[in-house]
Amino acid sequence: MKTSLPQVARIVELIDEGPTVRTLVLDLHLEAAPGQFVMAWLPGLSERPFSLVRAEPVTLTVARVGPFSSALHTLAIGDWLWLRGPLGQPFTLSPVDPSHTRLPLLLIGGGYGVAPLHFLAEDACKSGWTVTVVIGARTAPDLIFARRFEALGARVAITTDDGSLGEPGVATDTAERLLMEMAHEAIYACGPEPMLEAVESLALRRALPAQLSYERVMRCGFGVCGSCAREGWLVCRDGPVRHVGA
């Protein structure tokens, strides 16, 4: 059980991803894998979990949805942030075997769930995998990270609920169409739980292995408080990544 003490880091770059989303780049490097998370702490407020967008340097993408995330949005370059981690079970990638044909990986991100998938896509592309990414958002202004994935060399498909950008509808419908057009090696997904349930169903229908990353509010981050329990499974300790399918 990992209960690391907080490390202090200074903000060195701020990137506005959209009207309510900001990325914080810190002067801290962690030995972490895609899918792991950190607990971010501001003295006098509270502590909240955030997926790692990158570990070297530590990069967090924060949507302004409550008091703590709003406080993070007020921080400026040079301000301090305390982090605990890395925590949780990561995504896993099989090594690329040059003697065998490997099919593309399919990544499905809903809303702000694209953050840990960017870390995964970066590692996968560096390791020689071909990557397809489906990004789902409510509206065009809510879409983030599409250009980041394209810069990695990934094929990107966009969906919006209202049809204001990309294909109208939900990410899983586009993902199913892509699977019908071309076989893929495995599915990786992060996003709202209803989307993850749909991805699990898709993986089972297509007989594909899938790794699903769940996001829950948690207090401790290492399996003691039980605040992130999901059907007898602790998201912080047993996840956030869960393996399903073939």
C-alpha atoms as a PDB file:
ATOM      1  CA  MET A   1       0.000   0.000   0.000  1.00  0.00           C
ATOM      2  CA  LYS A   2       1.548   3.260  -1.140  1.00  0.00           C
ATOM      3  CA  THR A   3       1.038   6.224   1.206  1.00  0.00           C
ATOM      4  CA  SER A   4       3.726   8.617  -0.028  1.00  0.00           C
ATOM      5  CA  LEU A   5       4.091  12.026   1.558  1.00  0.00           C
ATOM      6  CA  PRO A   6       3.218  15.065  -0.559  1.00  0.00           C
ATOM      7  CA  GLN A   7       5.908  16.592  -2.745  1.00  0.00           C
ATOM      8  CA  VAL A   8       5.835  20.282  -3.471  1.00  0.00           C
ATOM      9  CA  ALA A   9       6.062  21.449  -7.076  1.00  0.00           C
ATOM     10  CA  ARG A  10       6.083  24.820  -8.776  1.00  0.00           C
ATOM     11  CA  ILE A  11       3.866  25.663 -11.742  1.00  0.00           C
ATOM     12  CA  VAL A  12       6.040  26.456 -14.778  1.00  0.00           C
ATOM     13  CA  GLU A  13       3.427  26.641 -17.551  1.00  0.00           C
ATOM     14  CA  LEU A  14      -0.333  27.155 -17.871  1.00  0.00           C
ATOM     15  CA  ILE A  15      -2.275  26.176 -21.012  1.00  0.00           C
ATOM     16  CA  ASP A  16      -5.930  27.082 -21.527  1.00  0.00           C
ATOM     17  CA  GLU A  17      -7.534  24.126 -23.300  1.00  0.00           C
ATOM     18  CA  GLY A  18     -11.025  25.647 -23.399  1.00  0.00           C
ATOM     19  CA  PRO A  19     -13.365  28.004 -21.539  1.00  0.00           C
ATOM     20  CA  THR A  20     -13.313  25.919 -18.340  1.00  0.00           C
ATOM     21  CA  VAL A  21     -10.283  23.626 -18.791  1.00  0.00           C
ATOM     22  CA  ARG A  22      -6.667  24.463 -17.969  1.00  0.00           C
ATOM     23  CA  THR A  23      -3.492  22.383 -18.077  1.00  0.00           C
ATOM     24  CA  LEU A  24      -0.847  22.844 -15.371  1.00  0.00           C
ATOM     25  CA  VAL A  25       2.763  21.886 -16.104  1.00  0.00           C
ATOM     26  CA  LEU A  26       4.925  21.477 -12.986  1.00  0.00           C
ATOM     27  CA  ASP A  27       8.660  21.349 -12.304  1.00  0.00           C
ATOM     28  CA  LEU A  28       8.368  17.792 -10.999  1.00  0.00           C
ATOM     29  CA  HIS A  29       9.194  14.442 -12.621  1.00  0.00           C
ATOM     30  CA  LEU A  30       7.633  11.187 -11.431  1.00  0.00           C
ATOM     31  CA  GLU A  31       8.246   7.555 -12.283  1.00  0.00           C
ATOM     32  CA  ALA A  32       4.697   6.776 -13.325  1.00  0.00           C
ATOM     33  CA  ALA A  33       2.773   4.846 -15.959  1.00  0.00           C
ATOM     34  CA  PRO A  34      -0.245   5.904 -18.050  1.00  0.00           C
ATOM     35  CA  GLY A  35      -3.454   5.557 -16.103  1.00  0.00           C
ATOM     36  CA  GLN A  36      -1.954   6.337 -12.713  1.00  0.00           C
ATOM     37  CA  PHE A  37      -3.020   9.428 -10.799  1.00  0.00           C
ATOM     38  CA  VAL A  38      -1.864  11.850  -8.128  1.00  0.00           C
ATOM     39  CA  MET A  39      -3.615  13.467  -5.191  1.00  0.00           C
ATOM     40  CA  ALA A  40      -3.240  17.243  -5.467  1.00  0.00           C
ATOM     41  CA  TRP A  41      -3.390  19.322  -2.282  1.00  0.00           C
ATOM     42  CA  LEU A  42      -3.704  23.001  -1.526  1.00  0.00           C
ATOM     43  CA  PRO A  43      -3.157  23.918   2.149  1.00  0.00           C
ATOM     44  CA  GLY A  44      -6.316  25.159   3.775  1.00  0.00           C
ATOM     45  CA  LEU A  45      -8.561  23.594   1.153  1.00  0.00           C
ATOM     46  CA  SER A  46      -8.615  19.879   0.370  1.00  0.00           C
ATOM     47  CA  GLU A  47      -7.048  17.117  -1.679  1.00  0.00           C
ATOM     48  CA  ARG A  48      -8.399  15.754  -4.958  1.00  0.00           C
ATOM     49  CA  PRO A  49      -7.306  13.080  -7.492  1.00  0.00           C
ATOM     50  CA  PHE A  50      -6.106  13.975 -10.977  1.00  0.00           C
ATOM     51  CA  SER A  51      -4.978  11.692 -13.786  1.00  0.00           C
ATOM     52  CA  LEU A  52      -1.520  12.280 -15.162  1.00  0.00           C
ATOM     53  CA  VAL A  53      -1.377  13.735 -18.657  1.00  0.00           C
ATOM     54  CA  ARG A  54       2.389  13.316 -18.504  1.00  0.00           C
ATOM     55  CA  ALA A  55       4.805  12.306 -15.750  1.00  0.00           C
ATOM     56  CA  GLU A  56       7.985  13.952 -17.066  1.00  0.00           C
ATOM     57  CA  PRO A  57       7.253  16.729 -16.313  1.00  0.00           C
ATOM     58  CA  VAL A  58       4.120  16.212 -14.263  1.00  0.00           C
ATOM     59  CA  THR A  59       1.189  17.631 -16.233  1.00  0.00           C
ATOM     60  CA  LEU A  60      -2.406  17.849 -15.011  1.00  0.00           C
ATOM     61  CA  THR A  61      -5.500  18.962 -16.894  1.00  0.00           C
ATOM     62  CA  VAL A  62      -8.151  20.507 -14.644  1.00  0.00           C
ATOM     63  CA  ALA A  63     -11.787  21.195 -15.491  1.00  0.00           C
ATOM     64  CA  ARG A  64     -13.336  23.944 -13.361  1.00  0.00           C
ATOM     65  CA  VAL A  65     -16.289  22.145 -11.775  1.00  0.00           C
ATOM     66  CA  GLY A  66     -16.099  22.846  -8.026  1.00  0.00           C
ATOM     67  CA  PRO A  67     -14.339  24.808  -5.267  1.00  0.00           C
ATOM     68  CA  PHE A  68     -11.041  22.904  -5.405  1.00  0.00           C
ATOM     69  CA  SER A  69     -10.686  22.898  -9.185  1.00  0.00           C
ATOM     70  CA  SER A  70     -11.702  26.563  -9.248  1.00  0.00           C
ATOM     71  CA  ALA A  71      -8.904  27.284  -6.777  1.00  0.00           C
ATOM     72  CA  LEU A  72      -6.444  25.481  -9.070  1.00  0.00           C
ATOM     73  CA  HIS A  73      -7.580  27.733 -11.903  1.00  0.00           C
ATOM     74  CA  THR A  74      -6.544  30.808  -9.878  1.00  0.00           C
ATOM     75  CA  LEU A  75      -2.930  29.621  -9.567  1.00  0.00           C
ATOM     76  CA  ALA A  76      -0.270  31.461 -11.553  1.00  0.00           C
ATOM     77  CA  ILE A  77       3.137  30.495 -12.896  1.00  0.00           C
ATOM     78  CA  GLY A  78       5.493  30.266  -9.919  1.00  0.00           C
ATOM     79  CA  ASP A  79       2.790  29.179  -7.465  1.00  0.00           C
ATOM     80  CA  TRP A  80       3.135  25.955  -5.485  1.00  0.00           C
ATOM     81  CA  LEU A  81       1.056  22.766  -5.566  1.00  0.00           C
ATOM     82  CA  TRP A  82       1.505  19.682  -3.360  1.00  0.00           C
ATOM     83  CA  LEU A  83       1.166  16.200  -4.895  1.00  0.00           C
ATOM     84  CA  ARG A  84       0.987  12.656  -3.547  1.00  0.00           C
ATOM     85  CA  GLY A  85       1.648   9.743  -5.850  1.00  0.00           C
ATOM     86  CA  PRO A  86       1.768   8.193  -8.336  1.00  0.00           C
ATOM     87  CA  LEU A  87      -1.100   6.001  -7.179  1.00  0.00           C
ATOM     88  CA  GLY A  88      -3.313   3.294  -8.651  1.00  0.00           C
ATOM     89  CA  GLN A  89      -3.041   0.525 -11.221  1.00  0.00           C
ATOM     90  CA  PRO A  90      -2.001   1.741 -14.711  1.00  0.00           C
ATOM     91  CA  PHE A  91      -2.848   0.786 -18.253  1.00  0.00           C
ATOM     92  CA  THR A  92      -0.598  -1.934 -19.661  1.00  0.00           C
ATOM     93  CA  LEU A  93       0.840  -2.200 -23.159  1.00  0.00           C
ATOM     94  CA  SER A  94       2.201  -5.370 -24.704  1.00  0.00           C
ATOM     95  CA  PRO A  95       5.608  -5.045 -26.370  1.00  0.00           C
ATOM     96  CA  VAL A  96       5.507  -4.709 -30.144  1.00  0.00           C
ATOM     97  CA  ASP A  97       6.817  -7.891 -31.765  1.00  0.00           C
ATOM     98  CA  PRO A  98       8.371  -6.991 -35.164  1.00  0.00           C
ATOM     99  CA  SER A  99       7.870 -10.566 -36.364  1.00  0.00           C
ATOM    100  CA  HIS A 100       4.071 -10.344 -36.004  1.00  0.00           C
ATOM    101  CA  THR A 101       1.549  -7.969 -37.541  1.00  0.00           C
ATOM    102  CA  ARG A 102       0.016  -5.885 -34.799  1.00  0.00           C
ATOM    103  CA  LEU A 103      -3.350  -4.225 -35.279  1.00  0.00           C
ATOM    104  CA  PRO A 104      -4.024  -0.646 -34.142  1.00  0.00           C
ATOM    105  CA  LEU A 105      -5.038   0.190 -30.591  1.00  0.00           C
ATOM    106  CA  LEU A 106      -8.401   1.920 -30.154  1.00  0.00           C
ATOM    107  CA  LEU A 107      -8.572   4.616 -27.464  1.00  0.00           C
ATOM    108  CA  ILE A 108     -11.969   6.054 -26.485  1.00  0.00           C
ATOM    109  CA  GLY A 109     -12.116   9.209 -24.382  1.00  0.00           C
ATOM    110  CA  GLY A 110     -15.261  10.854 -23.077  1.00  0.00           C
ATOM    111  CA  GLY A 111     -15.070  14.464 -21.915  1.00  0.00           C
ATOM    112  CA  TYR A 112     -12.071  15.024 -19.658  1.00  0.00           C
ATOM    113  CA  GLY A 113     -11.261  11.297 -19.739  1.00  0.00           C
ATOM    114  CA  VAL A 114      -8.900  12.049 -22.609  1.00  0.00           C
ATOM    115  CA  ALA A 115      -6.220  13.178 -20.108  1.00  0.00           C
ATOM    116  CA  PRO A 116      -4.804   9.760 -19.114  1.00  0.00           C
ATOM    117  CA  LEU A 117      -5.311   8.489 -22.664  1.00  0.00           C
ATOM    118  CA  HIS A 118      -2.891  11.125 -23.957  1.00  0.00           C
ATOM    119  CA  PHE A 119      -0.193   9.706 -21.647  1.00  0.00           C
ATOM    120  CA  LEU A 120      -1.040   6.220 -22.953  1.00  0.00           C
ATOM    121  CA  ALA A 121      -1.035   7.296 -26.620  1.00  0.00           C
ATOM    122  CA  GLU A 122       2.340   8.970 -26.203  1.00  0.00           C
ATOM    123  CA  ASP A 123       3.864   5.797 -24.775  1.00  0.00           C
ATOM    124  CA  ALA A 124       2.141   3.583 -27.360  1.00  0.00           C
ATOM    125  CA  CYS A 125       3.309   5.650 -30.328  1.00  0.00           C
ATOM    126  CA  LYS A 126       6.858   5.723 -28.997  1.00  0.00           C
ATOM    127  CA  SER A 127       6.728   1.933 -28.636  1.00  0.00           C
ATOM    128  CA  GLY A 128       5.713   1.419 -32.259  1.00  0.00           C
ATOM    129  CA  TRP A 129       1.960   0.961 -31.922  1.00  0.00           C
ATOM    130  CA  THR A 130      -0.514   2.471 -34.365  1.00  0.00           C
ATOM    131  CA  VAL A 131      -3.172   4.363 -32.425  1.00  0.00           C
ATOM    132  CA  THR A 132      -6.744   5.388 -33.233  1.00  0.00           C
ATOM    133  CA  VAL A 133      -8.438   7.805 -30.818  1.00  0.00           C
ATOM    134  CA  VAL A 134     -12.143   8.580 -30.561  1.00  0.00           C
ATOM    135  CA  ILE A 135     -12.850  11.741 -28.556  1.00  0.00           C
ATOM    136  CA  GLY A 136     -16.403  12.435 -27.429  1.00  0.00           C
ATOM    137  CA  ALA A 137     -17.620  15.789 -26.100  1.00  0.00           C
ATOM    138  CA  ARG A 138     -20.952  17.455 -25.458  1.00  0.00           C
ATOM    139  CA  THR A 139     -20.299  20.409 -27.789  1.00  0.00           C
ATOM    140  CA  ALA A 140     -17.431  21.756 -29.907  1.00  0.00           C
ATOM    141  CA  PRO A 141     -16.185  24.157 -27.177  1.00  0.00           C
ATOM    142  CA  ASP A 142     -15.979  21.197 -24.752  1.00  0.00           C
ATOM    143  CA  LEU A 143     -13.588  19.261 -26.997  1.00  0.00           C
ATOM    144  CA  ILE A 144      -9.982  19.090 -25.809  1.00  0.00           C
ATOM    145  CA  PHE A 145      -6.734  17.380 -26.847  1.00  0.00           C
ATOM    146  CA  ALA A 146      -7.597  16.559 -30.470  1.00  0.00           C
ATOM    147  CA  ARG A 147      -4.533  18.381 -31.796  1.00  0.00           C
ATOM    148  CA  ARG A 148      -2.351  16.863 -29.090  1.00  0.00           C
ATOM    149  CA  PHE A 149      -3.252  13.354 -30.254  1.00  0.00           C
ATOM    150  CA  GLU A 150      -2.714  14.297 -33.885  1.00  0.00           C
ATOM    151  CA  ALA A 151       0.733  15.665 -33.017  1.00  0.00           C
ATOM    152  CA  LEU A 152       1.619  12.207 -31.657  1.00  0.00           C
ATOM    153  CA  GLY A 153       0.713  10.647 -35.010  1.00  0.00           C
ATOM    154  CA  ALA A 154      -2.588   9.126 -33.894  1.00  0.00           C
ATOM    155  CA  ARG A 155      -5.649   8.910 -36.110  1.00  0.00           C
ATOM    156  CA  VAL A 156      -8.371  11.011 -34.446  1.00  0.00           C
ATOM    157  CA  ALA A 157     -12.161  10.796 -34.761  1.00  0.00           C
ATOM    158  CA  ILE A 158     -14.354  13.401 -33.042  1.00  0.00           C
ATOM    159  CA  THR A 159     -17.953  13.140 -31.877  1.00  0.00           C
ATOM    160  CA  THR A 160     -20.192  15.722 -30.227  1.00  0.00           C
ATOM    161  CA  ASP A 161     -23.578  15.157 -28.673  1.00  0.00           C
ATOM    162  CA  ASP A 162     -25.084  18.120 -30.534  1.00  0.00           C
ATOM    163  CA  GLY A 163     -23.264  17.538 -33.826  1.00  0.00           C
ATOM    164  CA  SER A 164     -21.451  20.883 -33.632  1.00  0.00           C
ATOM    165  CA  LEU A 165     -18.137  19.218 -34.524  1.00  0.00           C
ATOM    166  CA  GLY A 166     -17.205  15.865 -36.004  1.00  0.00           C
ATOM    167  CA  GLU A 167     -19.810  13.119 -36.059  1.00  0.00           C
ATOM    168  CA  PRO A 168     -23.087  13.662 -34.195  1.00  0.00           C
ATOM    169  CA  GLY A 169     -23.729  11.225 -31.369  1.00  0.00           C
ATOM    170  CA  VAL A 170     -21.669   9.432 -28.783  1.00  0.00           C
ATOM    171  CA  ALA A 171     -18.103   8.158 -28.911  1.00  0.00           C
ATOM    172  CA  THR A 172     -19.029   4.489 -28.603  1.00  0.00           C
ATOM    173  CA  ASP A 173     -21.148   4.594 -31.779  1.00  0.00           C
ATOM    174  CA  THR A 174     -18.199   5.940 -33.764  1.00  0.00           C
ATOM    175  CA  ALA A 175     -15.884   3.430 -32.080  1.00  0.00           C
ATOM    176  CA  GLU A 176     -18.155   0.570 -33.157  1.00  0.00           C
ATOM    177  CA  ARG A 177     -18.169   1.854 -36.739  1.00  0.00           C
ATOM    178  CA  LEU A 178     -14.365   2.011 -36.747  1.00  0.00           C
ATOM    179  CA  LEU A 179     -14.167  -1.544 -35.430  1.00  0.00           C
ATOM    180  CA  MET A 180     -16.421  -2.692 -38.260  1.00  0.00           C
ATOM    181  CA  GLU A 181     -14.191  -0.947 -40.813  1.00  0.00           C
ATOM    182  CA  MET A 182     -10.903  -2.262 -39.420  1.00  0.00           C
ATOM    183  CA  ALA A 183      -9.866  -4.815 -36.821  1.00  0.00           C
ATOM    184  CA  HIS A 184      -8.078  -3.451 -33.736  1.00  0.00           C
ATOM    185  CA  GLU A 185      -5.835  -5.123 -31.173  1.00  0.00           C
ATOM    186  CA  ALA A 186      -7.464  -3.824 -27.989  1.00  0.00           C
ATOM    187  CA  ILE A 187      -9.621  -1.060 -26.547  1.00  0.00           C
ATOM    188  CA  TYR A 188      -8.618   1.479 -23.893  1.00  0.00           C
ATOM    189  CA  ALA A 189     -11.137   3.945 -22.489  1.00  0.00           C
ATOM    190  CA  CYS A 190     -11.656   6.629 -19.869  1.00  0.00           C
ATOM    191  CA  GLY A 191     -14.718   8.773 -19.296  1.00  0.00           C
ATOM    192  CA  PRO A 192     -18.132   8.838 -17.622  1.00  0.00           C
ATOM    193  CA  GLU A 193     -19.239   5.506 -16.204  1.00  0.00           C
ATOM    194  CA  PRO A 194     -22.226   5.096 -18.575  1.00  0.00           C
ATOM    195  CA  MET A 195     -19.753   5.406 -21.452  1.00  0.00           C
ATOM    196  CA  LEU A 196     -17.452   2.825 -19.866  1.00  0.00           C
ATOM    197  CA  GLU A 197     -20.373   0.436 -19.496  1.00  0.00           C
ATOM    198  CA  ALA A 198     -21.099   0.874 -23.205  1.00  0.00           C
ATOM    199  CA  VAL A 199     -17.417   0.294 -24.043  1.00  0.00           C
ATOM    200  CA  GLU A 200     -17.390  -2.895 -21.963  1.00  0.00           C
ATOM    201  CA  SER A 201     -20.456  -4.150 -23.825  1.00  0.00           C
ATOM    202  CA  LEU A 202     -18.791  -3.274 -27.138  1.00  0.00           C
ATOM    203  CA  ALA A 203     -15.597  -5.103 -26.181  1.00  0.00           C
ATOM    204  CA  LEU A 204     -17.528  -8.219 -25.216  1.00  0.00           C
ATOM    205  CA  ARG A 205     -19.534  -8.189 -28.462  1.00  0.00           C
ATOM    206  CA  ARG A 206     -16.362  -7.804 -30.517  1.00  0.00           C
ATOM    207  CA  ALA A 207     -14.371 -10.310 -28.389  1.00  0.00           C
ATOM    208  CA  LEU A 208     -11.669  -7.705 -27.740  1.00  0.00           C
ATOM    209  CA  PRO A 209      -9.648  -7.123 -24.576  1.00  0.00           C
ATOM    210  CA  ALA A 210     -10.389  -3.755 -23.001  1.00  0.00           C
ATOM    211  CA  GLN A 211      -8.872  -1.657 -20.248  1.00  0.00           C
ATOM    212  CA  LEU A 212     -11.258   0.842 -18.656  1.00  0.00           C
ATOM    213  CA  SER A 213     -10.157   3.703 -16.399  1.00  0.00           C
ATOM    214  CA  TYR A 214     -12.693   4.896 -13.833  1.00  0.00           C
ATOM    215  CA  GLU A 215     -12.817   8.323 -12.222  1.00  0.00           C
ATOM    216  CA  ARG A 216     -14.229   8.733  -8.735  1.00  0.00           C
ATOM    217  CA  VAL A 217     -13.920  11.364  -6.025  1.00  0.00           C
ATOM    218  CA  MET A 218     -11.694   9.909  -3.301  1.00  0.00           C
ATOM    219  CA  ARG A 219     -10.251  11.073  -0.017  1.00  0.00           C
ATOM    220  CA  CYS A 220      -7.248   8.871   0.738  1.00  0.00           C
ATOM    221  CA  GLY A 221      -6.092   7.497  -2.622  1.00  0.00           C
ATOM    222  CA  PHE A 222      -4.779   4.179  -1.287  1.00  0.00           C
ATOM    223  CA  GLY A 223      -7.754   2.062  -0.191  1.00  0.00           C
ATOM    224  CA  VAL A 224      -8.482   3.033   3.412  1.00  0.00           C
ATOM    225  CA  CYS A 225     -11.431   5.443   3.398  1.00  0.00           C
ATOM    226  CA  GLY A 226     -13.674   3.491   1.023  1.00  0.00           C
ATOM    227  CA  SER A 227     -15.109   6.648  -0.560  1.00  0.00           C
ATOM    228  CA  CYS A 228     -14.388   5.402  -4.090  1.00  0.00           C
ATOM    229  CA  ALA A 229     -15.922   1.927  -3.691  1.00  0.00           C
ATOM    230  CA  ARG A 230     -17.577   0.513  -6.799  1.00  0.00           C
ATOM    231  CA  GLU A 231     -19.362  -2.849  -6.457  1.00  0.00           C
ATOM    232  CA  GLY A 232     -16.821  -4.093  -3.898  1.00  0.00           C
ATOM    233  CA  TRP A 233     -13.913  -2.715  -5.922  1.00  0.00           C
ATOM    234  CA  LEU A 234     -11.857   0.266  -4.765  1.00  0.00           C
ATOM    235  CA  VAL A 235     -11.098   2.565  -7.685  1.00  0.00           C
ATOM    236  CA  CYS A 236      -8.001   4.053  -6.030  1.00  0.00           C
ATOM    237  CA  ARG A 237      -6.330   0.774  -5.003  1.00  0.00           C
ATOM    238  CA  ASP A 238      -7.714  -1.903  -7.346  1.00  0.00           C
ATOM    239  CA  GLY A 239      -7.971   0.537 -10.261  1.00  0.00           C
ATOM    240  CA  PRO A 240      -8.473   3.029 -11.651  1.00  0.00           C
ATOM    241  CA  VAL A 241      -7.842   0.702 -14.632  1.00  0.00           C
ATOM    242  CA  ARG A 242      -9.933  -2.454 -14.882  1.00  0.00           C
ATOM    243  CA  HIS A 243      -9.329  -5.213 -17.467  1.00  0.00           C
ATOM    244  CA  VAL A 244     -12.345  -6.762 -19.192  1.00  0.00           C
ATOM    245  CA  GLY A 245     -13.083  -8.840 -22.271  1.00  0.00           C
ATOM    246  CA  ALA A 246     -10.958 -11.372 -24.113  1.00  0.00           C
END
